[in-house]
Amino acid sequence: MAQERITSIKHLATQQNNSTHREPSFTDGSFSIYERSKNHLYIIGIDHGYGGTKTANCNFQSGVVKSNTVPFTKTGVIKFDNTYYICGTGRQSLTKDKTEDENYFILTLAAIAKEIEFRGLDRTCDIIIAAGLPLTTFGKDKAAFEKYLMPLVPIRYEYEGNKYKINILDVKLYPQGYSAIVNEKNLLNREPSQILLDIGSWTVDCMIINNSIPDASSCRSLEMGIIRCIEEIQEEVRRTSGLSVTSAQVEQILQNKECTMQPEVKEIIKAQGYAYTKKLFKLLEESGFDTKAVPTILMGGGAHIVKHYLNHNQKMEILSDIHANAKGYELIALQVMENGKG
């Protein structure tokens, strides 16, 4: 649980405070972003999705399996506080509060390690996390999520056999979805009004953008994410054919990719893809989002599926980069620091 993690970290803090050793820190504000980068301080953007955890360069499934014994593989394995966690298998269950257990903290450590390895950074470093929350819950959840992601002391852990010592100096949170396009001026400024749809695993986050500014009163989070579509398809295939297809097979067919399967089953899957898309856009219209009248930007992992089942009169801009939110968080945080505002 989250409280157990906090207690564990406080125990580590007590041990370190009794030592004469002190970790280097760059929290006094006396360095510019360029000077800080020389002292191994990095901004890492993380998109904490229910289906997948994304950084600017990496992507893995958001499942976490806890183990008190050494796992059979090093792939995706974190060792933290004498406990092993296998990351990247399956998905997180839908929860209204991502801070209710330790899973998203563990996924954060894995994301940081993956990004450090991808960029070839130092494994002992100071980190600023740039992350996001839906606009619908941003004000309510911001303080708790900041506290959850920022422990009291430097964290020592292992990921896939490599040792890391990171000090999370700060957590910067921004609105998800909008952060992915805020620096796309050609996209934002092209129309007086636009709809932004971020189709995730569990939810579809929607907002109207007027004159490049999101209308907070229009924001909705609908529990119609792509997992709903996949689960309904699996049930339909099971009911009509007696087969138990996997979610990976369903996603492959929905994206018009090759997959060994009976043609009649493929047709069931595609028909259900059309049905889900029709149902989704009907619900959007009932919620005040008329995608036929207002130019629409479609993003998120689910966009890769839904785009194959749109009607011809649904002209939409598809943002295909699943890393867009993480990149946006990172870029905004860097701009804020360079401007001396945070």
Protein backbone atom coordinates (compact mmCIF):
# COMPACT_ATOMS: atom_id res chain seq x y z
CA MET A 1 0.00 0.00 0.00
CA ALA A 2 1.04 3.62 -0.47
CA GLN A 3 1.25 4.17 3.29
CA GLU A 4 3.60 1.19 3.61
CA ARG A 5 5.85 2.70 0.93
CA ILE A 6 5.92 6.04 2.75
CA THR A 7 6.75 4.30 6.05
CA SER A 8 9.57 2.39 4.33
CA ILE A 9 11.01 5.56 2.84
CA LYS A 10 10.86 7.35 6.21
CA HIS A 11 12.80 4.41 7.69
CA LEU A 12 15.45 4.84 5.01
CA ALA A 13 15.54 8.57 5.76
CA THR A 14 16.20 7.89 9.45
CA GLN A 15 19.07 5.59 8.57
CA GLN A 16 20.63 8.16 6.24
CA ASN A 17 20.15 11.08 8.64
CA ASN A 18 22.18 9.18 11.23
CA SER A 19 25.05 8.91 8.76
CA THR A 20 27.73 11.51 8.07
CA HIS A 21 27.17 11.02 4.33
CA ARG A 22 24.99 13.60 2.57
CA GLU A 23 23.60 13.36 -0.95
CA PRO A 24 24.35 16.20 -3.37
CA SER A 25 21.33 18.42 -3.96
CA PHE A 26 20.58 21.21 -6.39
CA THR A 27 17.39 22.51 -4.81
CA ASP A 28 18.58 25.97 -3.78
CA GLY A 29 17.69 27.55 -7.12
CA SER A 30 21.19 28.94 -7.69
CA PHE A 31 21.79 27.02 -10.93
CA SER A 32 20.37 27.62 -14.36
CA ILE A 33 18.87 24.66 -16.23
CA TYR A 34 22.09 24.41 -18.24
CA GLU A 35 24.30 24.39 -15.12
CA ARG A 36 22.02 21.84 -13.52
CA SER A 37 22.28 19.51 -16.50
CA LYS A 38 26.05 19.35 -15.94
CA ASN A 39 25.39 18.13 -12.40
CA HIS A 40 23.28 15.19 -13.62
CA LEU A 41 19.82 16.72 -13.21
CA TYR A 42 17.32 15.46 -15.74
CA ILE A 43 13.71 16.23 -16.57
CA ILE A 44 11.81 13.04 -17.36
CA GLY A 45 8.24 13.16 -18.65
CA ILE A 46 5.99 10.24 -17.70
CA ASP A 47 2.48 9.44 -18.91
CA HIS A 48 0.94 7.16 -16.25
CA GLY A 49 -1.71 5.34 -18.27
CA TYR A 50 -3.87 2.45 -17.10
CA GLY A 51 -2.89 0.41 -20.15
CA GLY A 52 0.63 1.67 -20.75
CA THR A 53 3.30 3.79 -19.08
CA LYS A 54 5.04 6.10 -21.56
CA THR A 55 8.10 8.33 -21.47
CA ALA A 56 9.38 10.47 -24.32
CA ASN A 57 11.17 7.43 -25.77
CA CYS A 58 9.85 4.29 -24.05
CA ASN A 59 6.57 2.46 -23.64
CA PHE A 60 5.58 -0.58 -21.58
CA GLN A 61 2.41 -2.09 -20.14
CA SER A 62 1.33 -0.78 -16.76
CA GLY A 63 1.00 -4.11 -15.01
CA VAL A 64 2.93 -4.78 -11.78
CA VAL A 65 3.37 -8.18 -10.11
CA LYS A 66 4.90 -8.20 -6.63
CA SER A 67 7.19 -11.04 -5.51
CA ASN A 68 9.12 -11.74 -2.31
CA THR A 69 11.41 -14.19 -4.15
CA VAL A 70 13.84 -13.71 -7.02
CA PRO A 71 11.88 -13.84 -10.33
CA PHE A 72 12.91 -16.23 -13.12
CA THR A 73 13.81 -13.31 -15.40
CA LYS A 74 15.47 -9.90 -15.14
CA THR A 75 13.26 -8.38 -17.84
CA GLY A 76 11.15 -5.59 -16.36
CA VAL A 77 12.17 -6.50 -12.80
CA ILE A 78 12.69 -3.88 -10.09
CA LYS A 79 14.26 -4.69 -6.75
CA PHE A 80 13.30 -2.05 -4.21
CA ASP A 81 13.41 -2.29 -0.42
CA ASN A 82 14.17 -6.05 -0.58
CA THR A 83 11.06 -6.72 -2.67
CA TYR A 84 10.84 -7.65 -6.34
CA TYR A 85 8.33 -6.19 -8.79
CA ILE A 86 7.82 -7.43 -12.35
CA CYS A 87 6.73 -4.48 -14.50
CA GLY A 88 5.22 -4.53 -17.96
CA THR A 89 2.86 -7.50 -17.72
CA GLY A 90 -0.84 -6.80 -18.15
CA ARG A 91 -2.67 -3.62 -17.21
CA GLN A 92 -3.65 -1.76 -14.07
CA SER A 93 -7.22 -2.24 -12.87
CA LEU A 94 -9.40 0.82 -13.14
CA THR A 95 -9.04 2.93 -10.02
CA LYS A 96 -10.21 6.42 -9.16
CA ASP A 97 -7.08 7.01 -7.08
CA LYS A 98 -3.66 6.10 -8.49
CA THR A 99 -2.08 6.75 -5.08
CA GLU A 100 -4.02 4.01 -3.26
CA ASP A 101 -1.19 1.48 -3.61
CA GLU A 102 2.49 1.40 -4.58
CA ASN A 103 2.03 0.28 -8.19
CA TYR A 104 2.30 3.64 -9.95
CA PHE A 105 5.33 4.57 -7.87
CA ILE A 106 7.03 1.33 -8.97
CA LEU A 107 6.04 2.02 -12.58
CA THR A 108 7.58 5.49 -12.19
CA LEU A 109 10.89 3.98 -11.08
CA ALA A 110 10.82 1.62 -14.07
CA ALA A 111 10.02 4.50 -16.45
CA ILE A 112 12.91 6.58 -15.08
CA ALA A 113 15.33 3.65 -15.43
CA LYS A 114 14.21 2.94 -19.00
CA GLU A 115 14.60 6.58 -20.02
CA ILE A 116 18.03 6.81 -18.35
CA GLU A 117 19.19 3.77 -20.32
CA PHE A 118 17.69 5.01 -23.60
CA ARG A 119 19.42 8.39 -23.27
CA GLY A 120 22.65 6.96 -21.87
CA LEU A 121 22.41 9.09 -18.72
CA ASP A 122 24.16 8.69 -15.39
CA ARG A 123 22.44 6.18 -13.08
CA THR A 124 23.16 8.40 -10.08
CA CYS A 125 21.29 11.62 -10.69
CA ASP A 126 18.71 14.20 -9.66
CA ILE A 127 15.35 13.95 -11.40
CA ILE A 128 12.46 16.31 -12.03
CA ILE A 129 9.35 14.33 -12.93
CA ALA A 130 6.97 15.97 -15.41
CA ALA A 131 3.64 14.15 -15.45
CA GLY A 132 -0.05 14.77 -15.99
CA LEU A 133 -3.60 14.40 -14.75
CA PRO A 134 -6.97 14.75 -16.49
CA LEU A 135 -8.34 18.29 -16.44
CA THR A 136 -11.54 16.89 -14.90
CA THR A 137 -9.70 15.94 -11.69
CA PHE A 138 -6.59 18.11 -11.92
CA GLY A 139 -7.37 20.45 -9.02
CA LYS A 140 -8.62 17.68 -6.76
CA ASP A 141 -5.79 15.18 -7.32
CA LYS A 142 -2.76 17.42 -7.96
CA ALA A 143 -1.41 17.78 -4.41
CA ALA A 144 -1.83 14.10 -3.54
CA PHE A 145 -0.18 12.87 -6.75
CA GLU A 146 2.75 15.27 -6.32
CA LYS A 147 3.32 13.97 -2.78
CA TYR A 148 2.95 10.36 -3.91
CA LEU A 149 5.61 10.69 -6.64
CA MET A 150 8.17 12.63 -4.59
CA PRO A 151 9.75 10.61 -1.75
CA LEU A 152 11.66 12.12 1.15
CA VAL A 153 15.14 10.79 0.34
CA PRO A 154 17.19 9.56 -2.60
CA ILE A 155 15.92 6.21 -3.83
CA ARG A 156 18.23 3.26 -4.37
CA TYR A 157 16.87 0.43 -6.48
CA GLU A 158 17.77 -2.06 -9.20
CA TYR A 159 16.11 -2.39 -12.58
CA GLU A 160 16.96 -5.30 -14.87
CA GLY A 161 20.17 -5.85 -12.87
CA ASN A 162 21.42 -2.24 -13.02
CA LYS A 163 21.69 -0.14 -9.85
CA TYR A 164 20.20 3.35 -9.64
CA LYS A 165 20.38 6.11 -7.07
CA ILE A 166 17.95 8.91 -7.91
CA ASN A 167 16.87 11.97 -6.03
CA ILE A 168 13.44 13.25 -7.12
CA LEU A 169 13.77 16.99 -6.58
CA ASP A 170 10.38 18.06 -7.86
CA VAL A 171 7.19 16.89 -9.53
CA LYS A 172 5.57 19.10 -12.18
CA LEU A 173 2.01 18.22 -13.17
CA TYR A 174 0.19 19.42 -16.28
CA PRO A 175 -3.18 18.69 -17.97
CA GLN A 176 -2.98 15.51 -20.00
CA GLY A 177 -4.11 15.67 -23.59
CA TYR A 178 -3.74 19.42 -23.91
CA SER A 179 -0.06 19.20 -22.90
CA ALA A 180 0.54 16.99 -25.94
CA ILE A 181 -0.48 19.77 -28.36
CA VAL A 182 0.21 22.99 -26.44
CA ASN A 183 3.43 23.54 -28.37
CA GLU A 184 1.87 22.62 -31.73
CA LYS A 185 1.00 26.20 -32.63
CA ASN A 186 0.01 25.39 -36.22
CA LEU A 187 -2.44 22.85 -34.88
CA LEU A 188 -3.80 24.98 -32.04
CA ASN A 189 -4.21 28.21 -34.00
CA ARG A 190 -5.79 26.82 -37.14
CA GLU A 191 -9.41 26.92 -35.89
CA PRO A 192 -11.37 29.06 -33.39
CA SER A 193 -12.79 25.90 -31.79
CA GLN A 194 -11.58 22.31 -31.72
CA ILE A 195 -12.43 19.12 -29.86
CA LEU A 196 -9.61 17.09 -28.32
CA LEU A 197 -10.30 13.40 -27.70
CA ASP A 198 -7.69 11.35 -25.82
CA ILE A 199 -8.74 7.70 -26.12
CA GLY A 200 -6.97 5.69 -23.44
CA SER A 201 -7.30 2.17 -22.13
CA TRP A 202 -10.04 2.86 -19.57
CA THR A 203 -11.22 6.40 -20.26
CA VAL A 204 -11.83 8.83 -23.10
CA ASP A 205 -10.85 12.32 -21.96
CA CYS A 206 -12.57 15.07 -23.92
CA MET A 207 -12.31 18.83 -24.02
CA ILE A 208 -13.24 21.77 -26.22
CA ILE A 209 -10.44 24.20 -27.07
CA ASN A 210 -11.53 27.76 -27.88
CA ASN A 211 -8.94 30.16 -29.31
CA SER A 212 -6.13 27.81 -28.24
CA ILE A 213 -7.35 27.67 -24.61
CA PRO A 214 -9.13 24.62 -23.14
CA ASP A 215 -12.64 25.27 -21.85
CA ALA A 216 -12.48 23.75 -18.37
CA SER A 217 -16.26 23.60 -18.10
CA SER A 218 -16.42 21.34 -21.18
CA CYS A 219 -14.03 18.65 -19.91
CA ARG A 220 -15.39 15.14 -19.55
CA SER A 221 -13.86 11.77 -18.73
CA LEU A 222 -15.96 8.94 -20.16
CA GLU A 223 -15.40 5.32 -19.12
CA MET A 224 -15.43 4.17 -22.74
CA GLY A 225 -11.74 3.40 -23.26
CA ILE A 226 -10.50 0.80 -25.70
CA ILE A 227 -10.47 -1.97 -23.09
CA ARG A 228 -14.27 -1.76 -23.02
CA CYS A 229 -14.24 -2.43 -26.77
CA ILE A 230 -11.81 -5.35 -26.49
CA GLU A 231 -13.67 -7.03 -23.64
CA GLU A 232 -16.99 -6.78 -25.48
CA ILE A 233 -15.37 -8.28 -28.59
CA GLN A 234 -13.88 -11.18 -26.61
CA GLU A 235 -17.30 -11.93 -25.15
CA GLU A 236 -18.99 -11.77 -28.57
CA VAL A 237 -16.41 -14.09 -30.14
CA ARG A 238 -16.78 -16.51 -27.24
CA ARG A 239 -20.58 -16.44 -27.53
CA THR A 240 -20.77 -16.89 -31.30
CA SER A 241 -17.79 -19.18 -32.00
CA GLY A 242 -16.82 -20.73 -28.67
CA LEU A 243 -13.26 -19.43 -29.05
CA SER A 244 -11.34 -17.53 -26.36
CA VAL A 245 -9.19 -15.04 -28.25
CA THR A 246 -6.62 -12.89 -26.43
CA SER A 247 -6.73 -9.12 -26.15
CA ALA A 248 -3.46 -8.96 -28.14
CA GLN A 249 -5.11 -10.85 -31.02
CA VAL A 250 -8.13 -8.56 -30.94
CA GLU A 251 -5.97 -5.42 -31.01
CA GLN A 252 -3.99 -6.80 -33.94
CA ILE A 253 -7.13 -7.39 -36.01
CA LEU A 254 -8.69 -4.05 -35.02
CA GLN A 255 -5.58 -2.30 -36.37
CA ASN A 256 -5.82 -4.21 -39.68
CA LYS A 257 -2.59 -6.07 -38.97
CA GLU A 258 -1.81 -9.68 -39.81
CA CYS A 259 -2.94 -12.34 -37.34
CA THR A 260 -3.61 -16.05 -37.87
CA MET A 261 -7.33 -16.48 -37.27
CA GLN A 262 -10.43 -17.84 -38.98
CA PRO A 263 -11.86 -15.27 -41.45
CA GLU A 264 -15.31 -15.40 -39.83
CA VAL A 265 -13.81 -14.51 -36.44
CA LYS A 266 -11.92 -11.60 -37.98
CA GLU A 267 -15.20 -10.33 -39.40
CA ILE A 268 -16.84 -10.51 -35.96
CA ILE A 269 -13.98 -8.49 -34.47
CA LYS A 270 -14.12 -5.82 -37.18
CA ALA A 271 -17.92 -5.56 -36.95
CA GLN A 272 -17.61 -5.01 -33.22
CA GLY A 273 -14.95 -2.36 -33.87
CA TYR A 274 -17.45 -0.44 -35.98
CA ALA A 275 -20.14 -0.90 -33.32
CA TYR A 276 -17.88 0.40 -30.55
CA THR A 277 -16.84 3.45 -32.57
CA LYS A 278 -20.47 4.25 -33.39
CA LYS A 279 -21.44 3.91 -29.73
CA LEU A 280 -18.51 6.08 -28.61
CA PHE A 281 -19.32 8.96 -30.93
CA LYS A 282 -23.01 8.78 -30.05
CA LEU A 283 -22.06 9.13 -26.38
CA LEU A 284 -19.75 12.02 -27.25
CA GLU A 285 -22.55 13.81 -29.07
CA GLU A 286 -24.88 13.28 -26.10
CA SER A 287 -22.15 14.80 -23.90
CA GLY A 288 -21.96 17.95 -26.03
CA PHE A 289 -19.12 17.06 -28.41
CA ASP A 290 -20.39 17.35 -31.99
CA THR A 291 -17.48 16.01 -34.01
CA LYS A 292 -19.35 16.63 -37.27
CA ALA A 293 -19.60 20.35 -36.53
CA VAL A 294 -16.32 21.04 -34.74
CA PRO A 295 -12.86 20.04 -36.08
CA THR A 296 -11.54 17.22 -33.93
CA ILE A 297 -8.10 16.03 -32.83
CA LEU A 298 -7.90 12.34 -31.98
CA MET A 299 -5.02 11.02 -29.85
CA GLY A 300 -4.10 8.27 -27.40
CA GLY A 301 -3.49 4.55 -27.83
CA GLY A 302 -7.13 3.97 -28.79
CA ALA A 303 -6.82 6.38 -31.70
CA HIS A 304 -4.79 3.75 -33.58
CA ILE A 305 -7.86 1.49 -33.49
CA VAL A 306 -10.77 3.93 -33.83
CA LYS A 307 -9.28 5.63 -36.90
CA HIS A 308 -9.99 2.48 -38.95
CA TYR A 309 -13.73 2.65 -38.19
CA LEU A 310 -14.57 6.32 -38.69
CA ASN A 311 -17.22 7.36 -41.18
CA HIS A 312 -16.14 9.31 -44.24
CA ASN A 313 -17.85 12.46 -42.91
CA GLN A 314 -15.77 12.33 -39.72
CA LYS A 315 -12.69 14.28 -40.82
CA MET A 316 -10.25 14.19 -37.94
CA GLU A 317 -6.64 15.00 -37.20
CA ILE A 318 -4.98 11.85 -35.86
CA LEU A 319 -2.00 12.30 -33.53
CA SER A 320 -0.28 8.95 -33.90
CA ASP A 321 2.56 9.50 -31.41
CA ILE A 322 1.69 7.60 -28.22
CA HIS A 323 4.56 9.42 -26.48
CA ALA A 324 2.99 12.86 -27.15
CA ASN A 325 1.80 13.50 -23.59
CA ALA A 326 5.17 12.57 -22.02
CA LYS A 327 7.04 14.72 -24.54
CA GLY A 328 4.66 17.61 -23.87
CA TYR A 329 5.09 17.40 -20.10
CA GLU A 330 8.86 17.39 -20.50
CA LEU A 331 8.94 20.31 -22.89
CA ILE A 332 6.64 22.47 -20.76
CA ALA A 333 8.70 21.76 -17.62
CA LEU A 334 11.90 22.70 -19.46
CA GLN A 335 10.37 25.95 -20.74
CA VAL A 336 9.14 26.85 -17.24
CA MET A 337 12.60 26.26 -15.75
CA GLU A 338 14.35 28.20 -18.48
CA ASN A 339 11.98 31.12 -17.85
CA GLY A 340 12.79 30.98 -14.15
CA LYS A 341 9.20 30.35 -13.10
CA GLY A 342 9.61 26.99 -11.42
